[in-house]
């Protein structure tokens, strides 16, 4: 029997609350506690909240992720970014390319030994599969990053650089995936022709559309915030604009995450006061609890069993590529030692954007799409467990944690 949605949300909040307390007791990030209790409640383990109920709760993921994207955009003031512009410009592409290159190379070389696909060839199966998975591996999860920064009140040059790179990572991942699909589809089908418009034109149009939608809602929210007289009413305006922005973005087929980041970026650089961001602070913890418990509810033991080895390789190659690329970019740009040593460890979370891109890619490859999807989903599960503690370690070692 399908659970009442209100009851399901209530259980998620209460159990998430205790999961966060237990994680904090063991000096672990609270989001790790939220994710683990979500896994325990999932259909694969205790089956407290059923699969049909989880599907009906997915709108919370869209809204929660967009609120977090708005906050990330709001942390990117041009004044701070100008000081770190050269560092961000080098690290962003190199850490993305590092993940893309190493995941592609590793899976392409090891794929024939791990996967048993009848009649598969290197050029038609193993390379396209590895190339697409490598492309979606560029993305970094904004939600996990923001939750860690919020919990430990992190501030400093590494934190600012981290937020900027995470914000730009989504755009890089969209373009990388489009390029990978543009090259891999002809290889997999044996057609041999590559469409430049599909590779570059489509993703650039999507990014431009996201920016335009974000600017429109940024202007609207700026006007509404001036009419609002109290923080409570400003909160109504902020949430209303974010939710409508998500809906309009979905209708237009553009990224709601990039659009909401653009709202935050526009407002932090135009408004003299920051009330539109301060009012969200009161509900941030609730957003994180519900979002990450729901992320844990998507845990699928069957996926882990079917794609465990491939998933472990994706995690290994992606983490190595991200860290190495960050280190190279930081060295070239003469970044401070804290950024050089620890930023790469804070860029490891991945979730929503990666899943969205691999779902898009899976439909294009009937022969190996399911293998590709299961491997990436399993790697996300593993990553959700190991990345938050590493992000915490990076923030503390960089000396930017304001509170334990």
Protein backbone atom coordinates (compact mmCIF):
# COMPACT_ATOMS: atom_id res chain seq x y z
CA UNK A 1 0.00 0.00 0.00
CA UNK A 2 1.30 3.46 -0.95
CA UNK A 3 2.14 5.63 2.05
CA UNK A 4 0.45 8.98 2.65
CA UNK A 5 2.83 11.66 1.28
CA UNK A 6 2.46 13.90 4.34
CA UNK A 7 3.32 10.97 6.62
CA UNK A 8 6.32 10.07 4.44
CA UNK A 9 7.69 13.63 4.61
CA UNK A 10 7.16 13.71 8.38
CA UNK A 11 9.04 10.42 8.83
CA UNK A 12 11.87 11.72 6.62
CA UNK A 13 12.24 14.88 8.72
CA UNK A 14 12.15 13.14 12.12
CA UNK A 15 14.39 10.20 11.18
CA UNK A 16 16.71 12.58 9.32
CA UNK A 17 16.97 14.73 12.45
CA UNK A 18 18.22 11.78 14.50
CA UNK A 19 20.47 10.57 11.68
CA UNK A 20 22.15 13.97 11.60
CA UNK A 21 22.66 13.94 15.38
CA UNK A 22 24.27 10.48 15.27
CA UNK A 23 26.59 11.56 12.44
CA UNK A 24 27.60 14.68 14.38
CA UNK A 25 28.23 12.53 17.48
CA UNK A 26 30.81 10.59 15.46
CA UNK A 27 32.24 13.87 14.07
CA UNK A 28 30.96 13.12 10.57
CA UNK A 29 29.10 15.57 8.30
CA UNK A 30 25.40 15.58 9.14
CA UNK A 31 24.42 15.00 5.50
CA UNK A 32 26.07 11.58 5.72
CA UNK A 33 23.63 10.74 8.52
CA UNK A 34 20.70 11.96 6.41
CA UNK A 35 21.79 9.82 3.44
CA UNK A 36 22.33 6.68 5.55
CA UNK A 37 18.92 6.85 7.26
CA UNK A 38 17.38 7.42 3.82
CA UNK A 39 19.07 4.22 2.62
CA UNK A 40 17.73 2.33 5.64
CA UNK A 41 14.17 3.52 4.90
CA UNK A 42 14.49 2.65 1.19
CA UNK A 43 12.66 -0.19 -0.62
CA UNK A 44 15.97 -2.09 -0.92
CA UNK A 45 16.44 -2.35 2.86
CA UNK A 46 13.64 -1.79 5.44
CA UNK A 47 11.06 -0.71 2.82
CA UNK A 48 9.46 1.80 5.21
CA UNK A 49 8.81 4.24 2.35
CA UNK A 50 7.76 2.47 -0.84
CA UNK A 51 8.99 3.07 -4.40
CA UNK A 52 5.71 4.63 -5.61
CA UNK A 53 5.77 7.13 -2.75
CA UNK A 54 9.38 8.05 -3.54
CA UNK A 55 8.45 8.77 -7.17
CA UNK A 56 5.72 11.15 -6.00
CA UNK A 57 8.24 12.97 -3.79
CA UNK A 58 10.68 13.70 -6.62
CA UNK A 59 9.35 17.25 -7.03
CA UNK A 60 11.03 17.97 -3.67
CA UNK A 61 14.38 17.11 -5.26
CA UNK A 62 13.85 19.68 -8.03
CA UNK A 63 12.78 22.45 -5.66
CA UNK A 64 15.40 21.64 -3.01
CA UNK A 65 18.23 21.54 -5.54
CA UNK A 66 17.07 24.84 -7.02
CA UNK A 67 17.03 26.54 -3.59
CA UNK A 68 20.59 25.30 -3.06
CA UNK A 69 21.59 26.52 -6.54
CA UNK A 70 20.13 29.95 -5.68
CA UNK A 71 22.30 30.07 -2.53
CA UNK A 72 25.43 29.06 -4.47
CA UNK A 73 24.79 31.84 -6.98
CA UNK A 74 24.31 34.21 -4.05
CA UNK A 75 27.78 33.33 -2.74
CA UNK A 76 29.47 34.44 -5.97
CA UNK A 77 29.95 38.18 -5.61
CA UNK A 78 32.04 39.72 -8.38
CA UNK A 79 34.21 41.44 -5.78
CA UNK A 80 35.35 38.06 -4.41
CA UNK A 81 35.60 36.41 -7.82
CA UNK A 82 37.86 39.10 -9.28
CA UNK A 83 40.53 38.28 -6.70
CA UNK A 84 40.44 34.59 -7.65
CA UNK A 85 39.57 34.88 -11.35
CA UNK A 86 42.82 33.44 -12.71
CA UNK A 87 42.73 30.51 -10.27
CA UNK A 88 39.11 29.66 -11.10
CA UNK A 89 39.77 30.01 -14.85
CA UNK A 90 42.54 27.39 -14.71
CA UNK A 91 41.10 24.96 -12.17
CA UNK A 92 37.57 24.69 -13.61
CA UNK A 93 38.47 23.23 -17.04
CA UNK A 94 41.45 21.19 -15.85
CA UNK A 95 39.64 19.35 -13.04
CA UNK A 96 36.73 18.60 -15.41
CA UNK A 97 39.06 17.40 -18.17
CA UNK A 98 41.04 15.37 -15.64
CA UNK A 99 37.92 13.44 -14.60
CA UNK A 100 36.72 13.05 -18.20
CA UNK A 101 40.10 11.83 -19.49
CA UNK A 102 40.91 9.36 -16.70
CA UNK A 103 37.42 7.83 -16.53
CA UNK A 104 37.37 7.44 -20.32
CA UNK A 105 40.87 5.96 -20.48
CA UNK A 106 40.38 3.60 -17.54
CA UNK A 107 36.98 2.25 -18.59
CA UNK A 108 37.91 1.96 -22.27
CA UNK A 109 40.99 -0.14 -21.42
CA UNK A 110 39.41 -2.25 -18.66
CA UNK A 111 35.86 -2.47 -20.03
CA UNK A 112 36.51 -5.49 -22.30
CA UNK A 113 37.79 -7.46 -19.28
CA UNK A 114 34.92 -6.48 -16.93
CA UNK A 115 31.88 -6.40 -19.21
CA UNK A 116 30.55 -9.33 -21.15
CA UNK A 117 28.70 -7.77 -24.09
CA UNK A 118 28.18 -10.19 -26.97
CA UNK A 119 29.61 -8.98 -30.28
CA UNK A 120 30.99 -5.80 -28.72
CA UNK A 121 33.92 -4.00 -30.35
CA UNK A 122 36.17 -1.30 -28.93
CA UNK A 123 35.06 1.45 -31.34
CA UNK A 124 31.32 0.67 -31.26
CA UNK A 125 30.81 -0.20 -27.58
CA UNK A 126 33.68 0.11 -25.13
CA UNK A 127 35.01 3.52 -26.20
CA UNK A 128 31.57 5.22 -26.61
CA UNK A 129 30.46 3.81 -23.23
CA UNK A 130 33.63 5.06 -21.51
CA UNK A 131 33.57 8.43 -23.29
CA UNK A 132 29.99 9.24 -22.25
CA UNK A 133 30.50 8.10 -18.63
CA UNK A 134 33.67 10.21 -18.54
CA UNK A 135 31.74 13.26 -19.74
CA UNK A 136 28.99 13.02 -17.11
CA UNK A 137 31.73 12.52 -14.49
CA UNK A 138 32.74 16.18 -14.95
CA UNK A 139 29.80 17.37 -12.82
CA UNK A 140 30.09 18.19 -9.11
CA UNK A 141 27.03 18.05 -6.83
CA UNK A 142 26.11 21.57 -5.65
CA UNK A 143 23.80 20.29 -2.89
CA UNK A 144 26.39 18.27 -0.97
CA UNK A 145 28.98 21.03 -1.35
CA UNK A 146 26.62 23.72 -0.04
CA UNK A 147 25.46 21.51 2.85
CA UNK A 148 29.03 20.96 4.08
CA UNK A 149 29.87 24.67 3.77
CA UNK A 150 26.68 25.58 5.64
CA UNK A 151 27.21 23.06 8.44
CA UNK A 152 30.76 24.19 9.20
CA UNK A 153 30.20 27.89 8.34
CA UNK A 154 33.18 27.77 5.98
CA UNK A 155 34.61 31.04 4.67
CA UNK A 156 37.80 31.88 2.82
CA UNK A 157 39.54 31.80 -0.55
CA UNK A 158 39.24 28.02 -0.95
CA UNK A 159 35.51 28.08 -0.14
CA UNK A 160 34.88 30.91 -2.63
CA UNK A 161 36.88 29.06 -5.30
CA UNK A 162 35.01 25.84 -4.51
CA UNK A 163 31.60 27.48 -4.96
CA UNK A 164 32.64 29.14 -8.23
CA UNK A 165 34.04 25.91 -9.69
CA UNK A 166 30.93 23.95 -8.64
CA UNK A 167 28.68 26.56 -10.26
CA UNK A 168 30.64 26.45 -13.53
CA UNK A 169 30.97 22.65 -13.43
CA UNK A 170 27.33 22.12 -14.36
CA UNK A 171 27.75 24.13 -17.56
CA UNK A 172 30.97 22.26 -18.38
CA UNK A 173 29.26 18.89 -17.79
CA UNK A 174 26.35 19.80 -20.10
CA UNK A 175 28.75 20.77 -22.91
CA UNK A 176 31.02 17.74 -22.30
CA UNK A 177 28.07 15.33 -22.44
CA UNK A 178 26.80 16.89 -25.67
CA UNK A 179 30.26 16.55 -27.25
CA UNK A 180 30.54 12.94 -26.05
CA UNK A 181 27.11 12.07 -27.46
CA UNK A 182 27.91 13.81 -30.74
CA UNK A 183 31.04 11.68 -31.20
CA UNK A 184 29.80 8.43 -29.61
CA UNK A 185 26.44 8.08 -31.40
CA UNK A 186 27.98 7.82 -34.91
CA UNK A 187 30.62 5.40 -33.59
CA UNK A 188 28.04 3.17 -31.89
CA UNK A 189 25.75 3.14 -34.93
CA UNK A 190 28.58 2.85 -37.46
CA UNK A 191 27.34 5.98 -39.27
CA UNK A 192 30.61 7.88 -38.91
CA UNK A 193 29.27 11.45 -39.30
CA UNK A 194 29.55 13.94 -36.41
CA UNK A 195 27.15 16.89 -36.00
CA UNK A 196 28.88 20.05 -34.74
CA UNK A 197 25.53 21.67 -33.99
CA UNK A 198 24.52 18.73 -31.79
CA UNK A 199 27.88 18.85 -30.00
CA UNK A 200 28.17 22.59 -29.40
CA UNK A 201 25.09 24.45 -30.61
CA UNK A 202 22.47 22.61 -28.55
CA UNK A 203 24.27 22.81 -25.16
CA UNK A 204 25.23 26.46 -25.69
CA UNK A 205 21.61 27.30 -26.49
CA UNK A 206 20.51 25.49 -23.32
CA UNK A 207 23.02 27.42 -21.20
CA UNK A 208 22.01 30.73 -22.82
CA UNK A 209 18.34 29.90 -22.20
CA UNK A 210 19.06 29.09 -18.54
CA UNK A 211 20.90 32.40 -18.07
CA UNK A 212 18.05 34.33 -19.72
CA UNK A 213 15.39 32.67 -17.54
CA UNK A 214 17.50 33.34 -14.44
CA UNK A 215 17.93 37.02 -15.33
CA UNK A 216 14.19 37.47 -15.87
CA UNK A 217 13.33 35.96 -12.49
CA UNK A 218 16.22 37.84 -10.88
CA UNK A 219 14.72 41.13 -12.07
CA UNK A 220 11.26 40.07 -10.90
CA UNK A 221 12.52 39.05 -7.46
CA UNK A 222 14.49 42.29 -7.12
CA UNK A 223 11.28 44.25 -7.75
CA UNK A 224 9.18 42.06 -5.42
CA UNK A 225 11.75 42.26 -2.60
CA UNK A 226 11.45 46.05 -2.65
CA UNK A 227 7.68 45.80 -2.23
CA UNK A 228 7.93 43.32 0.66
CA UNK A 229 8.10 44.96 4.09
CA UNK A 230 9.03 42.02 6.31
CA UNK A 231 11.51 39.11 6.14
CA UNK A 232 8.59 36.66 6.15
CA UNK A 233 7.09 38.30 3.06
CA UNK A 234 10.49 38.38 1.33
CA UNK A 235 10.71 34.62 1.94
CA UNK A 236 7.35 34.20 0.17
CA UNK A 237 8.71 36.16 -2.81
CA UNK A 238 11.97 34.17 -2.93
CA UNK A 239 10.33 30.73 -2.75
CA UNK A 240 7.62 31.74 -5.23
CA UNK A 241 10.16 32.89 -7.80
CA UNK A 242 12.36 29.80 -7.37
CA UNK A 243 9.43 27.38 -7.75
CA UNK A 244 8.04 29.16 -10.83
CA UNK A 245 11.56 29.36 -12.29
CA UNK A 246 11.88 25.56 -11.92
CA UNK A 247 8.55 25.04 -13.68
CA UNK A 248 9.31 27.45 -16.54
CA UNK A 249 12.79 25.96 -17.01
CA UNK A 250 11.32 22.46 -17.30
CA UNK A 251 8.76 23.69 -19.84
CA UNK A 252 11.48 25.32 -21.95
CA UNK A 253 13.87 22.37 -21.63
CA UNK A 254 16.66 24.39 -19.98
CA UNK A 255 18.55 23.76 -16.74
CA UNK A 256 16.63 24.93 -13.66
CA UNK A 257 19.85 24.60 -11.63
CA UNK A 258 21.76 27.05 -13.84
CA UNK A 259 18.72 29.37 -13.98
CA UNK A 260 18.41 29.51 -10.17
CA UNK A 261 22.17 30.00 -9.79
CA UNK A 262 21.80 32.95 -12.16
CA UNK A 263 19.03 34.46 -9.99
CA UNK A 264 21.30 34.32 -6.95
CA UNK A 265 24.34 35.61 -8.88
CA UNK A 266 22.36 38.53 -10.33
CA UNK A 267 20.88 39.58 -6.99
CA UNK A 268 24.07 39.36 -4.92
CA UNK A 269 25.75 41.69 -7.40
CA UNK A 270 22.87 44.20 -7.74
CA UNK A 271 21.16 44.47 -4.33
CA UNK A 272 22.91 46.46 -1.61
CA UNK A 273 21.30 44.40 1.15
CA UNK A 274 21.20 40.62 1.34
CA UNK A 275 17.74 40.00 2.81
CA UNK A 276 16.76 37.69 -0.06
CA UNK A 277 19.53 35.32 1.06
CA UNK A 278 19.19 35.82 4.82
CA UNK A 279 15.54 34.72 4.82
CA UNK A 280 16.52 31.35 3.29
CA UNK A 281 18.98 30.68 6.12
CA UNK A 282 16.09 29.90 8.46
CA UNK A 283 14.93 26.98 6.31
CA UNK A 284 18.30 25.73 5.01
CA UNK A 285 18.57 22.87 7.50
CA UNK A 286 15.06 21.64 6.68
CA UNK A 287 15.90 21.70 2.96
CA UNK A 288 19.09 19.71 3.53
CA UNK A 289 17.39 17.10 5.75
CA UNK A 290 14.56 16.39 3.31
CA UNK A 291 16.78 16.55 0.22
CA UNK A 292 19.46 14.14 1.45
CA UNK A 293 17.11 11.67 3.15
CA UNK A 294 15.27 11.53 -0.17
CA UNK A 295 18.60 11.01 -1.96
CA UNK A 296 19.26 8.03 0.32
CA UNK A 297 15.78 6.63 -0.40
CA UNK A 298 16.85 6.14 -4.03
CA UNK A 299 19.42 3.53 -2.92
CA UNK A 300 18.99 0.38 -5.02
CA UNK A 301 20.76 -2.77 -3.85
CA UNK A 302 20.10 -4.46 -7.19
CA UNK A 303 21.98 -1.72 -9.04
CA UNK A 304 24.93 -2.08 -6.67
CA UNK A 305 25.10 -5.84 -7.29
CA UNK A 306 24.90 -5.57 -11.07
CA UNK A 307 27.40 -2.75 -11.56
CA UNK A 308 29.56 -2.74 -8.44
CA UNK A 309 33.01 -3.28 -10.03
CA UNK A 310 32.42 -0.80 -12.85
CA UNK A 311 31.06 1.72 -10.33
CA UNK A 312 34.14 1.41 -8.13
CA UNK A 313 36.37 2.07 -11.14
CA UNK A 314 34.33 5.16 -12.06
CA UNK A 315 34.73 6.51 -8.51
CA UNK A 316 38.47 5.76 -8.46
CA UNK A 317 39.27 7.31 -11.86
CA UNK A 318 36.96 10.31 -11.36
CA UNK A 319 38.37 11.18 -7.93
CA UNK A 320 41.94 10.82 -9.20
CA UNK A 321 41.18 12.96 -12.25
CA UNK A 322 39.44 15.69 -10.26
CA UNK A 323 42.21 15.90 -7.69
CA UNK A 324 45.05 15.80 -10.24
CA UNK A 325 43.39 18.36 -12.53
CA UNK A 326 42.77 20.70 -9.60
CA UNK A 327 46.36 20.37 -8.44
CA UNK A 328 47.72 21.15 -11.93
CA UNK A 329 45.37 24.14 -12.35
CA UNK A 330 46.28 25.48 -8.91
CA UNK A 331 50.01 25.13 -9.66
CA UNK A 332 49.76 26.92 -13.03
CA UNK A 333 47.72 29.78 -11.53
CA UNK A 334 50.00 30.09 -8.46
CA UNK A 335 47.09 29.46 -6.09
CA UNK A 336 47.62 29.48 -2.31
CA UNK A 337 48.79 26.19 -0.78
CA UNK A 338 45.38 25.54 0.84
CA UNK A 339 43.69 25.55 -2.57
CA UNK A 340 46.46 23.51 -4.15
CA UNK A 341 46.41 20.79 -1.48
CA UNK A 342 42.76 20.52 -0.49
CA UNK A 343 40.37 21.93 -3.11
CA UNK A 344 40.48 18.71 -5.15
CA UNK A 345 39.15 16.73 -2.18
CA UNK A 346 36.15 19.07 -1.88
CA UNK A 347 35.19 18.66 -5.57
CA UNK A 348 34.33 14.95 -5.33
CA UNK A 349 30.55 14.98 -4.54
CA UNK A 350 28.26 14.08 -7.44
CA UNK A 351 24.54 13.39 -7.68
CA UNK A 352 21.63 15.14 -9.40
CA UNK A 353 23.27 16.67 -12.48
CA UNK A 354 25.22 13.46 -13.18
CA UNK A 355 22.06 11.35 -12.92
CA UNK A 356 20.10 13.71 -15.16
CA UNK A 357 22.77 13.63 -17.87
CA UNK A 358 23.21 9.84 -17.81
CA UNK A 359 19.42 9.34 -18.04
CA UNK A 360 19.49 11.53 -21.15
CA UNK A 361 22.39 9.53 -22.63
CA UNK A 362 21.00 6.09 -21.72
CA UNK A 363 18.11 6.32 -24.20
CA UNK A 364 20.52 6.91 -27.09
CA UNK A 365 22.37 3.58 -26.73
CA UNK A 366 20.04 0.53 -26.73
CA UNK A 367 22.93 -1.98 -26.67
CA UNK A 368 24.75 -0.73 -23.57
CA UNK A 369 22.60 2.12 -22.20
CA UNK A 370 21.32 0.08 -19.23
CA UNK A 371 24.87 -0.96 -18.25
CA UNK A 372 26.00 2.66 -18.45
CA UNK A 373 23.06 3.90 -16.36
CA UNK A 374 23.42 1.27 -13.62
CA UNK A 375 27.17 1.82 -13.34
CA UNK A 376 26.77 5.59 -12.92
CA UNK A 377 23.90 5.22 -10.43
CA UNK A 378 25.96 2.77 -8.35
CA UNK A 379 28.96 5.14 -8.47
CA UNK A 380 26.74 7.98 -7.20
CA UNK A 381 25.70 5.83 -4.21
CA UNK A 382 29.35 5.05 -3.35
CA UNK A 383 30.31 8.68 -3.88
CA UNK A 384 27.57 9.98 -1.58
CA UNK A 385 29.11 7.97 1.27
CA UNK A 386 32.80 8.85 0.78
CA UNK A 387 32.71 12.43 -0.54
CA UNK A 388 31.16 14.35 2.43
CA UNK A 389 33.87 13.29 4.95
CA UNK A 390 36.56 14.24 2.42
CA UNK A 391 34.93 17.64 1.87
CA UNK A 392 34.86 18.20 5.63
CA UNK A 393 38.53 17.20 5.87
CA UNK A 394 39.45 19.66 3.10
CA UNK A 395 37.62 22.58 4.73
CA UNK A 396 39.18 21.95 8.14
CA UNK A 397 42.70 21.40 6.79
CA UNK A 398 42.41 24.62 4.78
CA UNK A 399 41.55 26.41 8.04
CA UNK A 400 38.25 27.77 6.71
CA UNK A 401 35.77 26.09 9.08
CA UNK A 402 34.01 28.65 11.25
CA UNK A 403 32.32 26.10 13.54
CA UNK A 404 32.73 22.42 14.27
